Amino acid sequence: LASSLMAEVVEVNRARIRLEGLNAYAVIAALIMNSALRIFTTTCVPGARVDSSLERAISILVLLASTVSILAGSYTTVVFTLVG
């Protein structure tokens, strides 16, 4: 009985330590999300007067990558904060 109780205490401590380690991921995700949001707000999509289709494609690609990063960062921050 005492050994099984001790094993349960050790398992709870291990789980607590693992969950506390997830807080660092939440902070990193929030920082990445912030930088992606800043890139998203400063990138402007070229208008119809732009001759280069490459410039338009790159701008749209940056906006799409920033959008995915913002959404993933938001999700990761919320999940890791709730778990930890």
N, C-alpha and C. Protein backbone atom coordinates (compact mmCIF):
# COMPACT_ATOMS: atom_id res chain seq x y z
N LEU A 1 0.83 -1.19 0.00
CA LEU A 1 0.00 0.00 0.00
C LEU A 1 0.87 1.26 0.00
N ALA A 2 1.89 1.26 0.81
CA ALA A 2 2.77 2.44 0.89
C ALA A 2 3.55 2.63 -0.40
N SER A 3 4.00 1.54 -1.01
CA SER A 3 4.78 1.66 -2.25
C SER A 3 3.90 2.14 -3.41
N SER A 4 2.64 1.70 -3.45
CA SER A 4 1.76 2.16 -4.52
C SER A 4 1.41 3.65 -4.34
N LEU A 5 1.25 4.07 -3.08
CA LEU A 5 0.98 5.47 -2.80
C LEU A 5 2.18 6.33 -3.20
N MET A 6 3.38 5.84 -2.91
CA MET A 6 4.60 6.57 -3.28
C MET A 6 4.74 6.65 -4.79
N ALA A 7 4.39 5.58 -5.50
CA ALA A 7 4.47 5.58 -6.96
C ALA A 7 3.49 6.59 -7.55
N GLU A 8 2.30 6.71 -6.96
CA GLU A 8 1.32 7.69 -7.44
C GLU A 8 1.81 9.11 -7.21
N VAL A 9 2.45 9.36 -6.08
CA VAL A 9 2.99 10.69 -5.79
C VAL A 9 4.08 11.05 -6.79
N VAL A 10 4.94 10.08 -7.12
CA VAL A 10 6.00 10.33 -8.08
C VAL A 10 5.42 10.62 -9.46
N GLU A 11 4.39 9.88 -9.85
CA GLU A 11 3.74 10.12 -11.15
C GLU A 11 3.11 11.50 -11.21
N VAL A 12 2.47 11.93 -10.13
CA VAL A 12 1.86 13.25 -10.10
C VAL A 12 2.93 14.33 -10.20
N ASN A 13 4.04 14.12 -9.52
CA ASN A 13 5.13 15.10 -9.60
C ASN A 13 5.71 15.18 -11.00
N ARG A 14 5.86 14.03 -11.65
CA ARG A 14 6.37 14.02 -13.03
C ARG A 14 5.41 14.76 -13.96
N ALA A 15 4.13 14.51 -13.82
CA ALA A 15 3.14 15.17 -14.66
C ALA A 15 3.16 16.68 -14.42
N ARG A 16 3.29 17.09 -13.18
CA ARG A 16 3.33 18.53 -12.85
C ARG A 16 4.54 19.18 -13.47
N ILE A 17 5.68 18.53 -13.41
CA ILE A 17 6.91 19.08 -13.98
C ILE A 17 6.78 19.19 -15.50
N ARG A 18 6.19 18.19 -16.13
CA ARG A 18 6.01 18.24 -17.58
C ARG A 18 5.06 19.37 -17.98
N LEU A 19 4.00 19.55 -17.23
CA LEU A 19 3.05 20.62 -17.54
C LEU A 19 3.65 22.00 -17.31
N GLU A 20 4.50 22.13 -16.30
CA GLU A 20 5.15 23.42 -16.06
C GLU A 20 6.11 23.78 -17.18
N GLY A 21 6.66 22.77 -17.84
CA GLY A 21 7.57 23.02 -18.96
C GLY A 21 6.87 23.57 -20.18
N LEU A 22 5.56 23.40 -20.27
CA LEU A 22 4.81 23.90 -21.42
C LEU A 22 4.62 25.41 -21.40
N ASN A 23 4.80 26.04 -20.26
CA ASN A 23 4.65 27.50 -20.17
C ASN A 23 5.64 28.23 -21.06
N ALA A 24 6.83 27.67 -21.20
CA ALA A 24 7.83 28.30 -22.06
C ALA A 24 7.35 28.30 -23.51
N TYR A 25 6.69 27.23 -23.93
CA TYR A 25 6.17 27.18 -25.30
C TYR A 25 5.08 28.22 -25.51
N ALA A 26 4.27 28.45 -24.51
CA ALA A 26 3.22 29.46 -24.63
C ALA A 26 3.82 30.86 -24.79
N VAL A 27 4.88 31.15 -24.07
CA VAL A 27 5.54 32.45 -24.18
C VAL A 27 6.17 32.61 -25.56
N ILE A 28 6.85 31.57 -26.04
CA ILE A 28 7.48 31.64 -27.36
C ILE A 28 6.43 31.80 -28.45
N ALA A 29 5.32 31.08 -28.33
CA ALA A 29 4.25 31.19 -29.32
C ALA A 29 3.66 32.60 -29.32
N ALA A 30 3.51 33.20 -28.14
CA ALA A 30 2.98 34.56 -28.07
C ALA A 30 3.94 35.56 -28.71
N LEU A 31 5.24 35.38 -28.52
CA LEU A 31 6.22 36.28 -29.13
C LEU A 31 6.24 36.15 -30.65
N ILE A 32 6.18 34.92 -31.14
CA ILE A 32 6.16 34.70 -32.59
C ILE A 32 4.87 35.26 -33.18
N MET A 33 3.76 35.08 -32.47
CA MET A 33 2.50 35.62 -32.96
C MET A 33 2.56 37.15 -33.03
N ASN A 34 3.18 37.77 -32.05
CA ASN A 34 3.30 39.23 -32.05
C ASN A 34 4.14 39.71 -33.23
N SER A 35 5.25 39.05 -33.49
CA SER A 35 6.08 39.49 -34.62
C SER A 35 5.38 39.24 -35.95
N ALA A 36 4.64 38.14 -36.06
CA ALA A 36 3.89 37.87 -37.30
C ALA A 36 2.78 38.90 -37.48
N LEU A 37 2.16 39.31 -36.40
CA LEU A 37 1.11 40.32 -36.49
C LEU A 37 1.68 41.66 -36.94
N ARG A 38 2.85 41.99 -36.46
CA ARG A 38 3.50 43.24 -36.89
C ARG A 38 3.87 43.19 -38.37
N ILE A 39 4.37 42.04 -38.83
CA ILE A 39 4.69 41.89 -40.25
C ILE A 39 3.41 41.99 -41.08
N PHE A 40 2.34 41.37 -40.58
CA PHE A 40 1.07 41.38 -41.30
C PHE A 40 0.52 42.80 -41.45
N THR A 41 0.64 43.59 -40.40
CA THR A 41 0.08 44.95 -40.45
C THR A 41 0.95 45.91 -41.26
N THR A 42 2.22 45.62 -41.43
CA THR A 42 3.08 46.54 -42.19
C THR A 42 3.24 46.15 -43.64
N THR A 43 2.81 44.96 -44.02
CA THR A 43 2.92 44.53 -45.41
C THR A 43 1.70 45.01 -46.17
N CYS A 44 1.93 45.73 -47.25
CA CYS A 44 0.80 46.19 -48.04
C CYS A 44 0.76 45.43 -49.36
N VAL A 45 -0.44 45.08 -49.75
CA VAL A 45 -0.63 44.37 -51.01
C VAL A 45 -0.55 45.40 -52.13
N PRO A 46 0.27 45.15 -53.15
CA PRO A 46 0.38 46.11 -54.24
C PRO A 46 -0.94 46.22 -55.00
N GLY A 47 -1.21 47.41 -55.47
CA GLY A 47 -2.45 47.66 -56.20
C GLY A 47 -2.39 47.11 -57.62
N ALA A 48 -3.38 47.47 -58.40
CA ALA A 48 -3.48 46.98 -59.77
C ALA A 48 -2.43 47.61 -60.68
N ARG A 49 -1.82 48.71 -60.23
CA ARG A 49 -0.84 49.41 -61.07
C ARG A 49 0.53 48.75 -61.07
N VAL A 50 0.73 47.75 -60.22
CA VAL A 50 2.04 47.10 -60.14
C VAL A 50 2.23 46.21 -61.36
N ASP A 51 3.35 46.39 -62.02
CA ASP A 51 3.63 45.61 -63.23
C ASP A 51 4.18 44.23 -62.92
N SER A 52 4.88 44.11 -61.82
CA SER A 52 5.55 42.85 -61.51
C SER A 52 4.60 41.88 -60.81
N SER A 53 4.34 40.78 -61.47
CA SER A 53 3.50 39.76 -60.84
C SER A 53 4.28 39.04 -59.74
N LEU A 54 5.62 39.05 -59.84
CA LEU A 54 6.44 38.43 -58.80
C LEU A 54 6.31 39.19 -57.49
N GLU A 55 6.31 40.51 -57.56
CA GLU A 55 6.15 41.32 -56.34
C GLU A 55 4.79 41.08 -55.70
N ARG A 56 3.77 40.98 -56.52
CA ARG A 56 2.43 40.71 -56.00
C ARG A 56 2.36 39.32 -55.36
N ALA A 57 2.98 38.34 -56.00
CA ALA A 57 2.97 36.97 -55.46
C ALA A 57 3.71 36.89 -54.14
N ILE A 58 4.84 37.58 -54.04
CA ILE A 58 5.60 37.57 -52.80
C ILE A 58 4.83 38.25 -51.67
N SER A 59 4.18 39.37 -51.98
CA SER A 59 3.39 40.06 -50.95
C SER A 59 2.25 39.18 -50.44
N ILE A 60 1.58 38.53 -51.35
CA ILE A 60 0.47 37.65 -50.95
C ILE A 60 1.00 36.45 -50.16
N LEU A 61 2.15 35.93 -50.55
CA LEU A 61 2.75 34.81 -49.82
C LEU A 61 3.13 35.22 -48.39
N VAL A 62 3.67 36.43 -48.24
CA VAL A 62 4.02 36.93 -46.90
C VAL A 62 2.76 37.09 -46.06
N LEU A 63 1.70 37.61 -46.64
CA LEU A 63 0.46 37.78 -45.90
C LEU A 63 -0.14 36.43 -45.50
N LEU A 64 -0.10 35.46 -46.39
CA LEU A 64 -0.62 34.13 -46.05
C LEU A 64 0.20 33.46 -44.95
N ALA A 65 1.53 33.56 -45.06
CA ALA A 65 2.39 32.97 -44.03
C ALA A 65 2.18 33.66 -42.69
N SER A 66 2.01 34.97 -42.70
CA SER A 66 1.75 35.70 -41.46
C SER A 66 0.42 35.30 -40.85
N THR A 67 -0.59 35.13 -41.70
CA THR A 67 -1.91 34.73 -41.21
C THR A 67 -1.86 33.36 -40.56
N VAL A 68 -1.20 32.42 -41.20
CA VAL A 68 -1.08 31.07 -40.63
C VAL A 68 -0.31 31.13 -39.31
N SER A 69 0.75 31.92 -39.27
CA SER A 69 1.55 32.05 -38.05
C SER A 69 0.74 32.67 -36.92
N ILE A 70 -0.07 33.68 -37.22
CA ILE A 70 -0.89 34.32 -36.19
C ILE A 70 -1.92 33.34 -35.65
N LEU A 71 -2.59 32.61 -36.54
CA LEU A 71 -3.60 31.65 -36.09
C LEU A 71 -2.97 30.50 -35.29
N ALA A 72 -1.85 29.98 -35.76
CA ALA A 72 -1.18 28.90 -35.03
C ALA A 72 -0.65 29.39 -33.68
N GLY A 73 -0.12 30.60 -33.66
CA GLY A 73 0.38 31.16 -32.40
C GLY A 73 -0.73 31.38 -31.40
N SER A 74 -1.88 31.86 -31.88
CA SER A 74 -3.03 32.06 -30.98
C SER A 74 -3.49 30.74 -30.39
N TYR A 75 -3.63 29.75 -31.25
CA TYR A 75 -4.07 28.43 -30.80
C TYR A 75 -3.08 27.83 -29.80
N THR A 76 -1.79 27.90 -30.13
CA THR A 76 -0.77 27.33 -29.26
C THR A 76 -0.73 28.04 -27.91
N THR A 77 -0.82 29.35 -27.92
CA THR A 77 -0.80 30.10 -26.68
C THR A 77 -1.96 29.72 -25.79
N VAL A 78 -3.15 29.64 -26.34
CA VAL A 78 -4.34 29.31 -25.55
C VAL A 78 -4.25 27.88 -25.02
N VAL A 79 -3.87 26.94 -25.87
CA VAL A 79 -3.82 25.53 -25.44
C VAL A 79 -2.78 25.34 -24.35
N PHE A 80 -1.56 25.84 -24.56
CA PHE A 80 -0.51 25.63 -23.56
C PHE A 80 -0.78 26.40 -22.27
N THR A 81 -1.47 27.52 -22.35
CA THR A 81 -1.81 28.24 -21.14
C THR A 81 -2.87 27.49 -20.35
N LEU A 82 -3.84 26.91 -21.03
CA LEU A 82 -4.88 26.15 -20.33
C LEU A 82 -4.34 24.85 -19.76
N VAL A 83 -3.41 24.21 -20.46
CA VAL A 83 -2.85 22.95 -19.97
C VAL A 83 -1.94 23.20 -18.78
N GLY A 84 -1.14 24.26 -18.85
CA GLY A 84 -0.18 24.55 -17.78
C GLY A 84 -0.81 25.26 -16.70
